[in-house]
Amino acid sequence: GGFISGQYPAVKIRDGDRFRALVNCQYGAY
């Protein structure tokens, strides 16, 4: 149940803004 979290400073959001990323495991971490 271990975790890691990082909370960022506030950002003002506008209509149409999106959060985007690619998620996966690092190569070789079988």
PDB file of all heavy atoms in Angstrom:
ATOM      1  N   GLY A   1       0.795  -1.215   0.000  1.00  0.00           N
ATOM      2  CA  GLY A   1       0.000   0.000   0.000  1.00  0.00           C
ATOM      3  C   GLY A   1       0.823   1.259   0.000  1.00  0.00           C
ATOM      4  O   GLY A   1       0.296   2.356   0.224  1.00  0.00           O
ATOM      5  N   GLY A   2       2.123   1.150  -0.285  1.00  0.00           N
ATOM      6  CA  GLY A   2       2.981   2.328  -0.329  1.00  0.00           C
ATOM      7  C   GLY A   2       2.602   3.251  -1.475  1.00  0.00           C
ATOM      8  O   GLY A   2       2.106   2.813  -2.511  1.00  0.00           O
ATOM      9  N   PHE A   3       2.843   4.556  -1.301  1.00  0.00           N
ATOM     10  CA  PHE A   3       2.549   5.498  -2.374  1.00  0.00           C
ATOM     11  C   PHE A   3       3.530   6.659  -2.344  1.00  0.00           C
ATOM     12  O   PHE A   3       4.308   6.833  -1.404  1.00  0.00           O
ATOM     13  CB  PHE A   3       1.102   6.004  -2.282  1.00  0.00           C
ATOM     14  CG  PHE A   3       0.832   6.958  -1.146  1.00  0.00           C
ATOM     15  CD1 PHE A   3       1.042   8.325  -1.284  1.00  0.00           C
ATOM     16  CD2 PHE A   3       0.351   6.488   0.061  1.00  0.00           C
ATOM     17  CE1 PHE A   3       0.790   9.205  -0.241  1.00  0.00           C
ATOM     18  CE2 PHE A   3       0.090   7.355   1.114  1.00  0.00           C
ATOM     19  CZ  PHE A   3       0.310   8.720   0.962  1.00  0.00           C
ATOM     20  N   ILE A   4       3.450   7.466  -3.389  1.00  0.00           N
ATOM     21  CA  ILE A   4       4.174   8.727  -3.465  1.00  0.00           C
ATOM     22  C   ILE A   4       3.231   9.733  -4.099  1.00  0.00           C
ATOM     23  O   ILE A   4       2.478   9.393  -5.018  1.00  0.00           O
ATOM     24  CB  ILE A   4       5.484   8.607  -4.269  1.00  0.00           C
ATOM     25  CG1 ILE A   4       6.233   9.944  -4.269  1.00  0.00           C
ATOM     26  CG2 ILE A   4       5.236   8.114  -5.692  1.00  0.00           C
ATOM     27  CD1 ILE A   4       7.626   9.860  -4.881  1.00  0.00           C
ATOM     28  N   SER A   5       3.230  10.962  -3.581  1.00  0.00           N
ATOM     29  CA  SER A   5       2.354  11.995  -4.118  1.00  0.00           C
ATOM     30  C   SER A   5       3.093  13.319  -4.168  1.00  0.00           C
ATOM     31  O   SER A   5       3.958  13.608  -3.326  1.00  0.00           O
ATOM     32  CB  SER A   5       1.091  12.134  -3.263  1.00  0.00           C
ATOM     33  OG  SER A   5       1.413  12.643  -1.972  1.00  0.00           O
ATOM     34  N   GLY A   6       2.746  14.125  -5.160  1.00  0.00           N
ATOM     35  CA  GLY A   6       3.332  15.457  -5.287  1.00  0.00           C
ATOM     36  C   GLY A   6       2.248  16.475  -5.582  1.00  0.00           C
ATOM     37  O   GLY A   6       1.603  16.409  -6.635  1.00  0.00           O
ATOM     38  N   GLN A   7       2.010  17.416  -4.621  1.00  0.00           N
ATOM     39  CA  GLN A   7       1.000  18.451  -4.817  1.00  0.00           C
ATOM     40  C   GLN A   7       1.663  19.721  -5.338  1.00  0.00           C
ATOM     41  O   GLN A   7       2.607  20.245  -4.755  1.00  0.00           O
ATOM     42  CB  GLN A   7       0.249  18.746  -3.519  1.00  0.00           C
ATOM     43  CG  GLN A   7      -0.902  19.720  -3.719  1.00  0.00           C
ATOM     44  CD  GLN A   7      -1.665  19.989  -2.449  1.00  0.00           C
ATOM     45  OE1 GLN A   7      -1.126  20.588  -1.510  1.00  0.00           O
ATOM     46  NE2 GLN A   7      -2.932  19.571  -2.397  1.00  0.00           N
ATOM     47  N   TYR A   8       1.127  20.233  -6.471  1.00  0.00           N
ATOM     48  CA  TYR A   8       1.703  21.387  -7.162  1.00  0.00           C
ATOM     49  C   TYR A   8       1.016  22.681  -6.737  1.00  0.00           C
ATOM     50  O   TYR A   8      -0.125  22.662  -6.244  1.00  0.00           O
ATOM     51  CB  TYR A   8       1.560  21.201  -8.671  1.00  0.00           C
ATOM     52  CG  TYR A   8       2.546  20.209  -9.264  1.00  0.00           C
ATOM     53  CD1 TYR A   8       2.363  18.843  -9.092  1.00  0.00           C
ATOM     54  CD2 TYR A   8       3.663  20.643  -9.975  1.00  0.00           C
ATOM     55  CE1 TYR A   8       3.261  17.932  -9.628  1.00  0.00           C
ATOM     56  CE2 TYR A   8       4.575  19.729 -10.527  1.00  0.00           C
ATOM     57  CZ  TYR A   8       4.365  18.386 -10.339  1.00  0.00           C
ATOM     58  OH  TYR A   8       5.263  17.486 -10.864  1.00  0.00           O
ATOM     59  N   PRO A   9       1.663  23.804  -6.962  1.00  0.00           N
ATOM     60  CA  PRO A   9       1.034  25.092  -6.672  1.00  0.00           C
ATOM     61  C   PRO A   9      -0.208  25.304  -7.536  1.00  0.00           C
ATOM     62  O   PRO A   9      -0.383  24.664  -8.578  1.00  0.00           O
ATOM     63  CB  PRO A   9       2.132  26.117  -7.038  1.00  0.00           C
ATOM     64  CG  PRO A   9       3.404  25.347  -6.979  1.00  0.00           C
ATOM     65  CD  PRO A   9       3.065  23.943  -7.384  1.00  0.00           C
ATOM     66  N   ALA A  10      -1.092  26.200  -7.101  1.00  0.00           N
ATOM     67  CA  ALA A  10      -2.361  26.419  -7.774  1.00  0.00           C
ATOM     68  C   ALA A  10      -2.160  27.012  -9.171  1.00  0.00           C
ATOM     69  O   ALA A  10      -1.282  27.852  -9.391  1.00  0.00           O
ATOM     70  CB  ALA A  10      -3.243  27.329  -6.934  1.00  0.00           C
ATOM     71  N   VAL A  11      -2.988  26.536 -10.095  1.00  0.00           N
ATOM     72  CA  VAL A  11      -3.011  27.025 -11.477  1.00  0.00           C
ATOM     73  C   VAL A  11      -4.443  27.450 -11.782  1.00  0.00           C
ATOM     74  O   VAL A  11      -5.396  26.712 -11.475  1.00  0.00           O
ATOM     75  CB  VAL A  11      -2.573  25.917 -12.465  1.00  0.00           C
ATOM     76  CG1 VAL A  11      -2.598  26.442 -13.899  1.00  0.00           C
ATOM     77  CG2 VAL A  11      -1.192  25.393 -12.107  1.00  0.00           C
ATOM     78  N   LYS A  12      -4.610  28.629 -12.411  1.00  0.00           N
ATOM     79  CA  LYS A  12      -5.953  29.070 -12.777  1.00  0.00           C
ATOM     80  C   LYS A  12      -6.375  28.393 -14.074  1.00  0.00           C
ATOM     81  O   LYS A  12      -5.669  28.442 -15.072  1.00  0.00           O
ATOM     82  CB  LYS A  12      -6.008  30.587 -12.924  1.00  0.00           C
ATOM     83  CG  LYS A  12      -7.436  31.108 -13.080  1.00  0.00           C
ATOM     84  CD  LYS A  12      -7.519  32.612 -12.949  1.00  0.00           C
ATOM     85  CE  LYS A  12      -8.982  33.067 -13.002  1.00  0.00           C
ATOM     86  NZ  LYS A  12      -9.114  34.540 -12.813  1.00  0.00           N
ATOM     87  N   ILE A  13      -7.542  27.772 -14.039  1.00  0.00           N
ATOM     88  CA  ILE A  13      -8.023  26.963 -15.154  1.00  0.00           C
ATOM     89  C   ILE A  13      -9.034  27.748 -15.984  1.00  0.00           C
ATOM     90  O   ILE A  13      -9.864  28.489 -15.443  1.00  0.00           O
ATOM     91  CB  ILE A  13      -8.665  25.658 -14.634  1.00  0.00           C
ATOM     92  CG1 ILE A  13      -7.645  24.851 -13.826  1.00  0.00           C
ATOM     93  CG2 ILE A  13      -9.206  24.822 -15.792  1.00  0.00           C
ATOM     94  CD1 ILE A  13      -6.414  24.448 -14.611  1.00  0.00           C
ATOM     95  N   ARG A  14      -8.967  27.552 -17.300  1.00  0.00           N
ATOM     96  CA  ARG A  14      -9.925  28.149 -18.222  1.00  0.00           C
ATOM     97  C   ARG A  14     -10.740  27.053 -18.900  1.00  0.00           C
ATOM     98  O   ARG A  14     -10.339  25.887 -18.919  1.00  0.00           O
ATOM     99  CB  ARG A  14      -9.203  28.987 -19.295  1.00  0.00           C
ATOM    100  CG  ARG A  14      -8.460  30.199 -18.769  1.00  0.00           C
ATOM    101  CD  ARG A  14      -7.869  30.982 -19.926  1.00  0.00           C
ATOM    102  NE  ARG A  14      -7.044  32.097 -19.481  1.00  0.00           N
ATOM    103  CZ  ARG A  14      -6.361  32.898 -20.296  1.00  0.00           C
ATOM    104  NH1 ARG A  14      -6.432  32.690 -21.618  1.00  0.00           N
ATOM    105  NH2 ARG A  14      -5.621  33.879 -19.817  1.00  0.00           N
ATOM    106  N   ASP A  15     -11.861  27.477 -19.464  1.00  0.00           N
ATOM    107  CA  ASP A  15     -12.702  26.532 -20.192  1.00  0.00           C
ATOM    108  C   ASP A  15     -11.916  25.947 -21.366  1.00  0.00           C
ATOM    109  O   ASP A  15     -11.276  26.677 -22.130  1.00  0.00           O
ATOM    110  CB  ASP A  15     -13.953  27.254 -20.712  1.00  0.00           C
ATOM    111  CG  ASP A  15     -14.939  26.282 -21.343  1.00  0.00           C
ATOM    112  OD1 ASP A  15     -15.182  25.213 -20.758  1.00  0.00           O
ATOM    113  OD2 ASP A  15     -15.453  26.589 -22.434  1.00  0.00           O
ATOM    114  N   GLY A  16     -11.957  24.614 -21.510  1.00  0.00           N
ATOM    115  CA  GLY A  16     -11.235  23.937 -22.578  1.00  0.00           C
ATOM    116  C   GLY A  16      -9.865  23.437 -22.182  1.00  0.00           C
ATOM    117  O   GLY A  16      -9.229  22.703 -22.953  1.00  0.00           O
ATOM    118  N   ASP A  17      -9.372  23.807 -20.993  1.00  0.00           N
ATOM    119  CA  ASP A  17      -8.074  23.291 -20.541  1.00  0.00           C
ATOM    120  C   ASP A  17      -8.174  21.786 -20.307  1.00  0.00           C
ATOM    121  O   ASP A  17      -9.219  21.261 -19.909  1.00  0.00           O
ATOM    122  CB  ASP A  17      -7.646  23.980 -19.244  1.00  0.00           C
ATOM    123  CG  ASP A  17      -7.185  25.416 -19.460  1.00  0.00           C
ATOM    124  OD1 ASP A  17      -7.166  25.858 -20.635  1.00  0.00           O
ATOM    125  OD2 ASP A  17      -6.859  26.092 -18.462  1.00  0.00           O
ATOM    126  N   ARG A  18      -7.047  21.119 -20.528  1.00  0.00           N
ATOM    127  CA  ARG A  18      -7.013  19.654 -20.370  1.00  0.00           C
ATOM    128  C   ARG A  18      -5.708  19.251 -19.683  1.00  0.00           C
ATOM    129  O   ARG A  18      -4.661  19.873 -19.900  1.00  0.00           O
ATOM    130  CB  ARG A  18      -7.110  18.938 -21.723  1.00  0.00           C
ATOM    131  CG  ARG A  18      -8.294  19.366 -22.568  1.00  0.00           C
ATOM    132  CD  ARG A  18      -8.436  18.512 -23.813  1.00  0.00           C
ATOM    133  NE  ARG A  18      -8.957  17.192 -23.509  1.00  0.00           N
ATOM    134  CZ  ARG A  18     -10.253  16.909 -23.453  1.00  0.00           C
ATOM    135  NH1 ARG A  18     -11.151  17.839 -23.672  1.00  0.00           N
ATOM    136  NH2 ARG A  18     -10.659  15.685 -23.166  1.00  0.00           N
ATOM    137  N   PHE A  19      -5.796  18.184 -18.864  1.00  0.00           N
ATOM    138  CA  PHE A  19      -4.596  17.538 -18.330  1.00  0.00           C
ATOM    139  C   PHE A  19      -4.264  16.362 -19.236  1.00  0.00           C
ATOM    140  O   PHE A  19      -5.120  15.519 -19.519  1.00  0.00           O
ATOM    141  CB  PHE A  19      -4.813  17.033 -16.905  1.00  0.00           C
ATOM    142  CG  PHE A  19      -3.661  16.220 -16.374  1.00  0.00           C
ATOM    143  CD1 PHE A  19      -2.580  16.833 -15.775  1.00  0.00           C
ATOM    144  CD2 PHE A  19      -3.650  14.829 -16.492  1.00  0.00           C
ATOM    145  CE1 PHE A  19      -1.513  16.085 -15.293  1.00  0.00           C
ATOM    146  CE2 PHE A  19      -2.591  14.075 -16.021  1.00  0.00           C
ATOM    147  CZ  PHE A  19      -1.513  14.708 -15.425  1.00  0.00           C
ATOM    148  N   ARG A  20      -2.997  16.289 -19.667  1.00  0.00           N
ATOM    149  CA  ARG A  20      -2.588  15.235 -20.590  1.00  0.00           C
ATOM    150  C   ARG A  20      -1.256  14.643 -20.146  1.00  0.00           C
ATOM    151  O   ARG A  20      -0.386  15.339 -19.610  1.00  0.00           O
ATOM    152  CB  ARG A  20      -2.459  15.770 -22.024  1.00  0.00           C
ATOM    153  CG  ARG A  20      -3.798  16.078 -22.672  1.00  0.00           C
ATOM    154  CD  ARG A  20      -3.641  16.736 -24.008  1.00  0.00           C
ATOM    155  NE  ARG A  20      -4.899  16.773 -24.723  1.00  0.00           N
ATOM    156  CZ  ARG A  20      -5.168  17.586 -25.727  1.00  0.00           C
ATOM    157  NH1 ARG A  20      -4.270  18.448 -26.140  1.00  0.00           N
ATOM    158  NH2 ARG A  20      -6.335  17.543 -26.335  1.00  0.00           N
ATOM    159  N   ALA A  21      -1.117  13.343 -20.388  1.00  0.00           N
ATOM    160  CA  ALA A  21       0.127  12.630 -20.079  1.00  0.00           C
ATOM    161  C   ALA A  21       0.052  11.251 -20.701  1.00  0.00           C
ATOM    162  O   ALA A  21      -1.017  10.793 -21.124  1.00  0.00           O
ATOM    163  CB  ALA A  21       0.347  12.529 -18.570  1.00  0.00           C
ATOM    164  N   LEU A  22       1.205  10.594 -20.758  1.00  0.00           N
ATOM    165  CA  LEU A  22       1.257   9.169 -21.073  1.00  0.00           C
ATOM    166  C   LEU A  22       1.711   8.456 -19.809  1.00  0.00           C
ATOM    167  O   LEU A  22       2.652   8.906 -19.148  1.00  0.00           O
ATOM    168  CB  LEU A  22       2.244   8.882 -22.213  1.00  0.00           C
ATOM    169  CG  LEU A  22       1.927   9.478 -23.581  1.00  0.00           C
ATOM    170  CD1 LEU A  22       3.047   9.168 -24.569  1.00  0.00           C
ATOM    171  CD2 LEU A  22       0.601   8.954 -24.107  1.00  0.00           C
ATOM    172  N   VAL A  23       1.050   7.363 -19.453  1.00  0.00           N
ATOM    173  CA  VAL A  23       1.417   6.625 -18.247  1.00  0.00           C
ATOM    174  C   VAL A  23       1.825   5.205 -18.630  1.00  0.00           C
ATOM    175  O   VAL A  23       1.200   4.582 -19.489  1.00  0.00           O
ATOM    176  CB  VAL A  23       0.266   6.587 -17.215  1.00  0.00           C
ATOM    177  CG1 VAL A  23      -0.042   7.982 -16.707  1.00  0.00           C
ATOM    178  CG2 VAL A  23      -0.990   5.955 -17.799  1.00  0.00           C
ATOM    179  N   ASN A  24       2.866   4.723 -17.986  1.00  0.00           N
ATOM    180  CA  ASN A  24       3.341   3.356 -18.196  1.00  0.00           C
ATOM    181  C   ASN A  24       4.442   3.053 -17.194  1.00  0.00           C
ATOM    182  O   ASN A  24       4.849   3.917 -16.413  1.00  0.00           O
ATOM    183  CB  ASN A  24       3.818   3.137 -19.631  1.00  0.00           C
ATOM    184  CG  ASN A  24       5.037   3.952 -20.014  1.00  0.00           C
ATOM    185  OD1 ASN A  24       5.979   3.451 -20.620  1.00  0.00           O
ATOM    186  ND2 ASN A  24       5.068   5.241 -19.694  1.00  0.00           N
ATOM    187  N   CYS A  25       4.905   1.825 -17.202  1.00  0.00           N
ATOM    188  CA  CYS A  25       6.036   1.435 -16.358  1.00  0.00           C
ATOM    189  C   CYS A  25       7.334   1.629 -17.139  1.00  0.00           C
ATOM    190  O   CYS A  25       7.353   1.551 -18.371  1.00  0.00           O
ATOM    191  CB  CYS A  25       5.900  -0.023 -15.926  1.00  0.00           C
ATOM    192  SG  CYS A  25       4.469  -0.359 -14.852  1.00  0.00           S
ATOM    193  N   GLN A  26       8.397   1.844 -16.412  1.00  0.00           N
ATOM    194  CA  GLN A  26       9.700   2.007 -17.056  1.00  0.00           C
ATOM    195  C   GLN A  26      10.142   0.692 -17.694  1.00  0.00           C
ATOM    196  O   GLN A  26       9.854  -0.388 -17.173  1.00  0.00           O
ATOM    197  CB  GLN A  26      10.731   2.485 -16.035  1.00  0.00           C
ATOM    198  CG  GLN A  26      12.073   2.898 -16.632  1.00  0.00           C
ATOM    199  CD  GLN A  26      13.023   3.417 -15.559  1.00  0.00           C
ATOM    200  OE1 GLN A  26      13.008   2.920 -14.426  1.00  0.00           O
ATOM    201  NE2 GLN A  26      13.834   4.403 -15.898  1.00  0.00           N
ATOM    202  N   TYR A  27      10.806   0.791 -18.819  1.00  0.00           N
ATOM    203  CA  TYR A  27      11.231  -0.411 -19.537  1.00  0.00           C
ATOM    204  C   TYR A  27      12.117  -1.279 -18.639  1.00  0.00           C
ATOM    205  O   TYR A  27      13.034  -0.802 -17.975  1.00  0.00           O
ATOM    206  CB  TYR A  27      11.999  -0.022 -20.796  1.00  0.00           C
ATOM    207  CG  TYR A  27      12.446  -1.209 -21.619  1.00  0.00           C
ATOM    208  CD1 TYR A  27      11.530  -1.937 -22.363  1.00  0.00           C
ATOM    209  CD2 TYR A  27      13.784  -1.610 -21.638  1.00  0.00           C
ATOM    210  CE1 TYR A  27      11.923  -3.031 -23.108  1.00  0.00           C
ATOM    211  CE2 TYR A  27      14.189  -2.700 -22.381  1.00  0.00           C
ATOM    212  CZ  TYR A  27      13.254  -3.407 -23.110  1.00  0.00           C
ATOM    213  OH  TYR A  27      13.650  -4.490 -23.849  1.00  0.00           O
ATOM    214  N   GLY A  28      11.818  -2.577 -18.615  1.00  0.00           N
ATOM    215  CA  GLY A  28      12.592  -3.530 -17.824  1.00  0.00           C
ATOM    216  C   GLY A  28      12.053  -3.767 -16.427  1.00  0.00           C
ATOM    217  O   GLY A  28      12.510  -4.684 -15.742  1.00  0.00           O
ATOM    218  N   ALA A  29      11.052  -2.961 -15.993  1.00  0.00           N
ATOM    219  CA  ALA A  29      10.465  -3.157 -14.656  1.00  0.00           C
ATOM    220  C   ALA A  29       9.346  -4.184 -14.772  1.00  0.00           C
ATOM    221  O   ALA A  29       8.154  -3.870 -14.652  1.00  0.00           O
ATOM    222  CB  ALA A  29       9.947  -1.837 -14.108  1.00  0.00           C
ATOM    223  N   TYR A  30       9.725  -5.434 -14.994  1.00  0.00           N
ATOM    224  CA  TYR A  30       8.764  -6.479 -15.375  1.00  0.00           C
ATOM    225  C   TYR A  30       7.719  -6.779 -14.303  1.00  0.00           C
ATOM    226  O   TYR A  30       6.621  -7.232 -14.615  1.00  0.00           O
ATOM    227  CB  TYR A  30       9.523  -7.761 -15.733  1.00  0.00           C
ATOM    228  CG  TYR A  30      10.538  -7.572 -16.838  1.00  0.00           C
ATOM    229  CD1 TYR A  30      11.900  -7.628 -16.574  1.00  0.00           C
ATOM    230  CD2 TYR A  30      10.116  -7.309 -18.137  1.00  0.00           C
ATOM    231  CE1 TYR A  30      12.835  -7.439 -17.585  1.00  0.00           C
ATOM    232  CE2 TYR A  30      11.040  -7.115 -19.155  1.00  0.00           C
ATOM    233  CZ  TYR A  30      12.399  -7.181 -18.869  1.00  0.00           C
ATOM    234  OH  TYR A  30      13.309  -6.981 -19.873  1.00  0.00           O
TER     235      TYR A  30
END
